[in-house]
Structure formats: structure tokens, C-alpha cells
């Protein structure tokens, strides 16, 4: 799952929908549509859940870009995320 969640067999449909949303928001945020939020609702997420998913995804990207932009070195033993 660490290298590609799409190959994981034990994810629920809701978990897959959440991860699909997070990946799209991370890699192609300009392509996000209202339908992406609706897919999360259809998967059983509340509006508060969706806001949490959105904020955690956005914050993670923000902090990584800050660190990258400032040349912050990773702690020894930690792999750089390719996202």
C-alpha cells in the first residue's frame, strides 16, 4: 500500500474514494470539481469529514513545499515522498 494504494486488496470503497480524492488534490488540484466532493459524500463521508480530508491533504502539501523550498534536510532514515 505504501508504494501504490490502488494495488491494496483490503481497502474499503470509502478508503479508496478518500485516497483517490487526496491524490487528485495533490497532483492536479486545478482539475478538482464539485463531483469530486460528491463522490466522497456518496462513499459515506460527511461534510465535516470531507473538510478534514481536504485540510489534511492541503496542509501536508503545504508543509512539504515549505521544507523543499527552504532546503530542509530529512531526518536520517526517512524517505522523501514523491508526491
N, C-alpha and C. Protein backbone atom coordinates (compact mmCIF):
# COMPACT_ATOMS: atom_id res chain seq x y z
N UNK A 1 0.83 -1.19 0.00
CA UNK A 1 0.00 0.00 0.00
C UNK A 1 0.88 1.25 0.00
N UNK A 2 2.02 1.20 0.61
CA UNK A 2 2.88 2.37 0.70
C UNK A 2 3.30 2.87 -0.68
N UNK A 3 3.58 1.96 -1.59
CA UNK A 3 4.03 2.38 -2.92
C UNK A 3 2.87 2.71 -3.85
N UNK A 4 1.72 2.03 -3.70
CA UNK A 4 0.56 2.31 -4.56
C UNK A 4 -0.69 1.69 -3.95
N UNK A 5 -1.50 2.53 -3.32
CA UNK A 5 -2.70 2.05 -2.65
C UNK A 5 -3.66 1.36 -3.61
N UNK A 6 -3.58 1.68 -4.89
CA UNK A 6 -4.52 1.09 -5.86
C UNK A 6 -4.35 -0.42 -5.98
N UNK A 7 -3.20 -0.93 -5.54
CA UNK A 7 -2.96 -2.37 -5.59
C UNK A 7 -3.35 -3.07 -4.30
N UNK A 8 -3.74 -2.31 -3.28
CA UNK A 8 -4.13 -2.91 -2.00
C UNK A 8 -5.50 -3.57 -2.13
N UNK A 9 -5.61 -4.78 -1.66
CA UNK A 9 -6.86 -5.53 -1.79
C UNK A 9 -7.82 -5.31 -0.62
N UNK A 10 -7.32 -4.82 0.50
CA UNK A 10 -8.15 -4.76 1.70
C UNK A 10 -8.71 -3.37 1.99
N UNK A 11 -8.71 -2.48 1.02
CA UNK A 11 -9.29 -1.15 1.23
C UNK A 11 -10.78 -1.17 0.97
N UNK A 12 -11.51 -0.44 1.80
CA UNK A 12 -12.95 -0.31 1.58
C UNK A 12 -13.18 0.68 0.44
N UNK A 13 -14.38 0.67 -0.14
CA UNK A 13 -14.69 1.66 -1.17
C UNK A 13 -14.53 3.10 -0.66
N UNK A 14 -14.89 3.35 0.60
CA UNK A 14 -14.74 4.69 1.17
C UNK A 14 -13.27 5.08 1.27
N UNK A 15 -12.43 4.15 1.70
CA UNK A 15 -10.99 4.45 1.79
C UNK A 15 -10.41 4.73 0.41
N UNK A 16 -10.82 3.96 -0.57
CA UNK A 16 -10.35 4.19 -1.94
C UNK A 16 -10.79 5.57 -2.45
N UNK A 17 -12.04 5.93 -2.19
CA UNK A 17 -12.55 7.23 -2.62
C UNK A 17 -11.75 8.36 -1.96
N UNK A 18 -11.47 8.21 -0.67
CA UNK A 18 -10.70 9.22 0.05
C UNK A 18 -9.30 9.35 -0.54
N UNK A 19 -8.65 8.24 -0.79
CA UNK A 19 -7.30 8.28 -1.34
C UNK A 19 -7.29 8.82 -2.77
N UNK A 20 -8.28 8.45 -3.57
CA UNK A 20 -8.38 9.00 -4.93
C UNK A 20 -8.50 10.52 -4.88
N UNK A 21 -9.32 11.01 -3.98
CA UNK A 21 -9.52 12.45 -3.81
C UNK A 21 -8.21 13.12 -3.39
N UNK A 22 -7.52 12.55 -2.40
CA UNK A 22 -6.27 13.14 -1.91
C UNK A 22 -5.20 13.17 -3.00
N UNK A 23 -5.11 12.11 -3.77
CA UNK A 23 -4.12 12.06 -4.85
C UNK A 23 -4.44 13.11 -5.91
N UNK A 24 -5.70 13.21 -6.29
CA UNK A 24 -6.08 14.20 -7.30
C UNK A 24 -5.82 15.62 -6.79
N UNK A 25 -6.17 15.89 -5.54
CA UNK A 25 -5.95 17.22 -4.96
C UNK A 25 -4.46 17.53 -4.90
N UNK A 26 -3.64 16.53 -4.65
CA UNK A 26 -2.20 16.72 -4.55
C UNK A 26 -1.55 16.94 -5.92
N UNK A 27 -1.91 16.11 -6.87
CA UNK A 27 -1.23 16.13 -8.17
C UNK A 27 -1.85 17.07 -9.20
N UNK A 28 -3.16 17.22 -9.18
CA UNK A 28 -3.82 18.07 -10.19
C UNK A 28 -4.94 18.88 -9.54
N UNK A 29 -4.60 19.75 -8.62
CA UNK A 29 -5.65 20.50 -7.90
C UNK A 29 -6.52 21.35 -8.81
N UNK A 30 -6.00 21.79 -9.92
CA UNK A 30 -6.77 22.61 -10.86
C UNK A 30 -7.87 21.82 -11.55
N UNK A 31 -7.84 20.51 -11.44
CA UNK A 31 -8.86 19.67 -12.06
C UNK A 31 -9.98 19.26 -11.09
N UNK A 32 -9.91 19.72 -9.84
CA UNK A 32 -10.93 19.36 -8.86
C UNK A 32 -12.28 19.96 -9.26
N UNK A 33 -13.32 19.16 -9.09
CA UNK A 33 -14.68 19.58 -9.44
C UNK A 33 -15.62 19.28 -8.27
N UNK A 34 -16.78 19.86 -8.33
CA UNK A 34 -17.82 19.59 -7.33
C UNK A 34 -18.12 18.08 -7.26
N UNK A 35 -18.01 17.42 -8.39
CA UNK A 35 -18.26 15.98 -8.45
C UNK A 35 -17.29 15.19 -7.57
N UNK A 36 -16.08 15.69 -7.39
CA UNK A 36 -15.12 15.01 -6.52
C UNK A 36 -15.60 14.98 -5.08
N UNK A 37 -16.19 16.07 -4.64
CA UNK A 37 -16.76 16.14 -3.30
C UNK A 37 -17.98 15.25 -3.21
N UNK A 38 -18.79 15.26 -4.24
CA UNK A 38 -19.99 14.42 -4.25
C UNK A 38 -19.63 12.94 -4.18
N UNK A 39 -18.54 12.54 -4.82
CA UNK A 39 -18.11 11.14 -4.73
C UNK A 39 -17.78 10.76 -3.30
N UNK A 40 -17.18 11.68 -2.55
CA UNK A 40 -16.89 11.40 -1.15
C UNK A 40 -18.19 11.29 -0.34
N UNK A 41 -19.15 12.14 -0.64
CA UNK A 41 -20.46 12.04 0.04
C UNK A 41 -21.12 10.69 -0.27
N UNK A 42 -21.07 10.29 -1.52
CA UNK A 42 -21.66 9.01 -1.92
C UNK A 42 -20.96 7.84 -1.24
N UNK A 43 -19.68 8.02 -0.91
CA UNK A 43 -18.91 6.97 -0.22
C UNK A 43 -19.20 6.95 1.28
N UNK A 44 -20.01 7.93 1.75
CA UNK A 44 -20.42 7.93 3.15
C UNK A 44 -19.75 8.98 4.03
N UNK A 45 -18.96 9.85 3.43
CA UNK A 45 -18.30 10.90 4.22
C UNK A 45 -19.23 12.09 4.43
N UNK A 46 -19.21 12.62 5.64
CA UNK A 46 -19.98 13.83 5.94
C UNK A 46 -19.22 15.04 5.43
N UNK A 47 -19.88 16.18 5.42
CA UNK A 47 -19.19 17.41 5.00
C UNK A 47 -18.01 17.72 5.92
N UNK A 48 -18.15 17.44 7.21
CA UNK A 48 -17.03 17.65 8.15
C UNK A 48 -15.87 16.71 7.83
N UNK A 49 -16.19 15.46 7.48
CA UNK A 49 -15.15 14.50 7.09
C UNK A 49 -14.41 15.00 5.84
N UNK A 50 -15.17 15.48 4.88
CA UNK A 50 -14.59 15.94 3.62
C UNK A 50 -13.69 17.15 3.86
N UNK A 51 -14.12 18.04 4.72
CA UNK A 51 -13.28 19.18 5.07
C UNK A 51 -11.98 18.71 5.71
N UNK A 52 -12.07 17.73 6.61
CA UNK A 52 -10.86 17.19 7.23
C UNK A 52 -9.92 16.58 6.20
N UNK A 53 -10.47 15.78 5.29
CA UNK A 53 -9.66 15.16 4.23
C UNK A 53 -8.97 16.24 3.40
N UNK A 54 -9.73 17.25 3.04
CA UNK A 54 -9.19 18.35 2.24
C UNK A 54 -8.09 19.10 2.99
N UNK A 55 -8.33 19.43 4.25
CA UNK A 55 -7.36 20.20 5.01
C UNK A 55 -6.08 19.41 5.29
N UNK A 56 -6.21 18.15 5.64
CA UNK A 56 -5.02 17.34 5.89
C UNK A 56 -4.19 17.20 4.61
N UNK A 57 -4.85 16.95 3.49
CA UNK A 57 -4.15 16.82 2.22
C UNK A 57 -3.45 18.13 1.85
N UNK A 58 -4.17 19.24 1.96
CA UNK A 58 -3.59 20.54 1.63
C UNK A 58 -2.46 20.93 2.56
N UNK A 59 -2.62 20.66 3.85
CA UNK A 59 -1.59 21.01 4.82
C UNK A 59 -0.32 20.20 4.58
N UNK A 60 -0.47 18.93 4.29
CA UNK A 60 0.68 18.06 4.01
C UNK A 60 1.46 18.60 2.81
N UNK A 61 0.75 18.96 1.76
CA UNK A 61 1.40 19.52 0.57
C UNK A 61 2.09 20.85 0.91
N UNK A 62 1.42 21.69 1.66
CA UNK A 62 1.95 22.99 2.05
C UNK A 62 3.26 22.84 2.83
N UNK A 63 3.25 22.00 3.85
CA UNK A 63 4.44 21.83 4.68
C UNK A 63 5.59 21.23 3.88
N UNK A 64 5.30 20.28 3.02
CA UNK A 64 6.36 19.69 2.20
C UNK A 64 6.96 20.71 1.25
N UNK A 65 6.14 21.57 0.68
CA UNK A 65 6.67 22.59 -0.23
C UNK A 65 7.48 23.64 0.52
N UNK A 66 7.06 23.98 1.72
CA UNK A 66 7.86 24.88 2.55
C UNK A 66 9.24 24.27 2.81
N UNK A 67 9.25 23.03 3.24
CA UNK A 67 10.52 22.36 3.54
C UNK A 67 11.38 22.24 2.29
N UNK A 68 10.79 21.83 1.18
CA UNK A 68 11.55 21.72 -0.07
C UNK A 68 12.11 23.07 -0.49
N UNK A 69 11.28 24.11 -0.40
CA UNK A 69 11.70 25.44 -0.82
C UNK A 69 12.79 26.04 0.04
N UNK A 70 12.89 25.57 1.27
CA UNK A 70 13.93 26.07 2.18
C UNK A 70 15.13 25.13 2.26
N UNK A 71 15.07 24.03 1.52
CA UNK A 71 16.18 23.09 1.51
C UNK A 71 16.33 22.31 2.80
N UNK A 72 15.23 22.10 3.51
CA UNK A 72 15.28 21.36 4.77
C UNK A 72 15.64 19.91 4.47
N UNK A 73 16.62 19.42 5.21
CA UNK A 73 17.04 18.02 5.06
C UNK A 73 16.12 17.11 5.86
N UNK A 74 15.82 15.94 5.32
CA UNK A 74 15.00 14.97 6.02
C UNK A 74 15.81 14.31 7.13
N UNK A 75 15.11 13.84 8.15
CA UNK A 75 15.78 13.10 9.20
C UNK A 75 16.35 11.82 8.61
N UNK A 76 17.48 11.39 9.15
CA UNK A 76 18.11 10.16 8.68
C UNK A 76 17.12 9.00 8.79
N UNK A 77 17.05 8.19 7.74
CA UNK A 77 16.16 7.04 7.74
C UNK A 77 14.78 7.31 7.18
N UNK A 78 14.47 8.56 6.83
CA UNK A 78 13.14 8.90 6.29
C UNK A 78 13.26 9.08 4.79
N UNK A 79 12.37 8.44 4.06
CA UNK A 79 12.36 8.55 2.61
C UNK A 79 11.63 9.81 2.19
N UNK A 80 12.09 10.42 1.11
CA UNK A 80 11.39 11.57 0.55
C UNK A 80 10.16 11.08 -0.18
N UNK A 81 9.03 11.73 0.07
CA UNK A 81 7.76 11.41 -0.59
C UNK A 81 7.81 11.99 -1.99
N UNK A 82 7.43 11.21 -2.97
CA UNK A 82 7.46 11.66 -4.36
C UNK A 82 6.22 12.46 -4.72
N UNK A 83 5.29 12.67 -3.79
CA UNK A 83 4.04 13.39 -4.07
C UNK A 83 4.23 14.81 -3.88
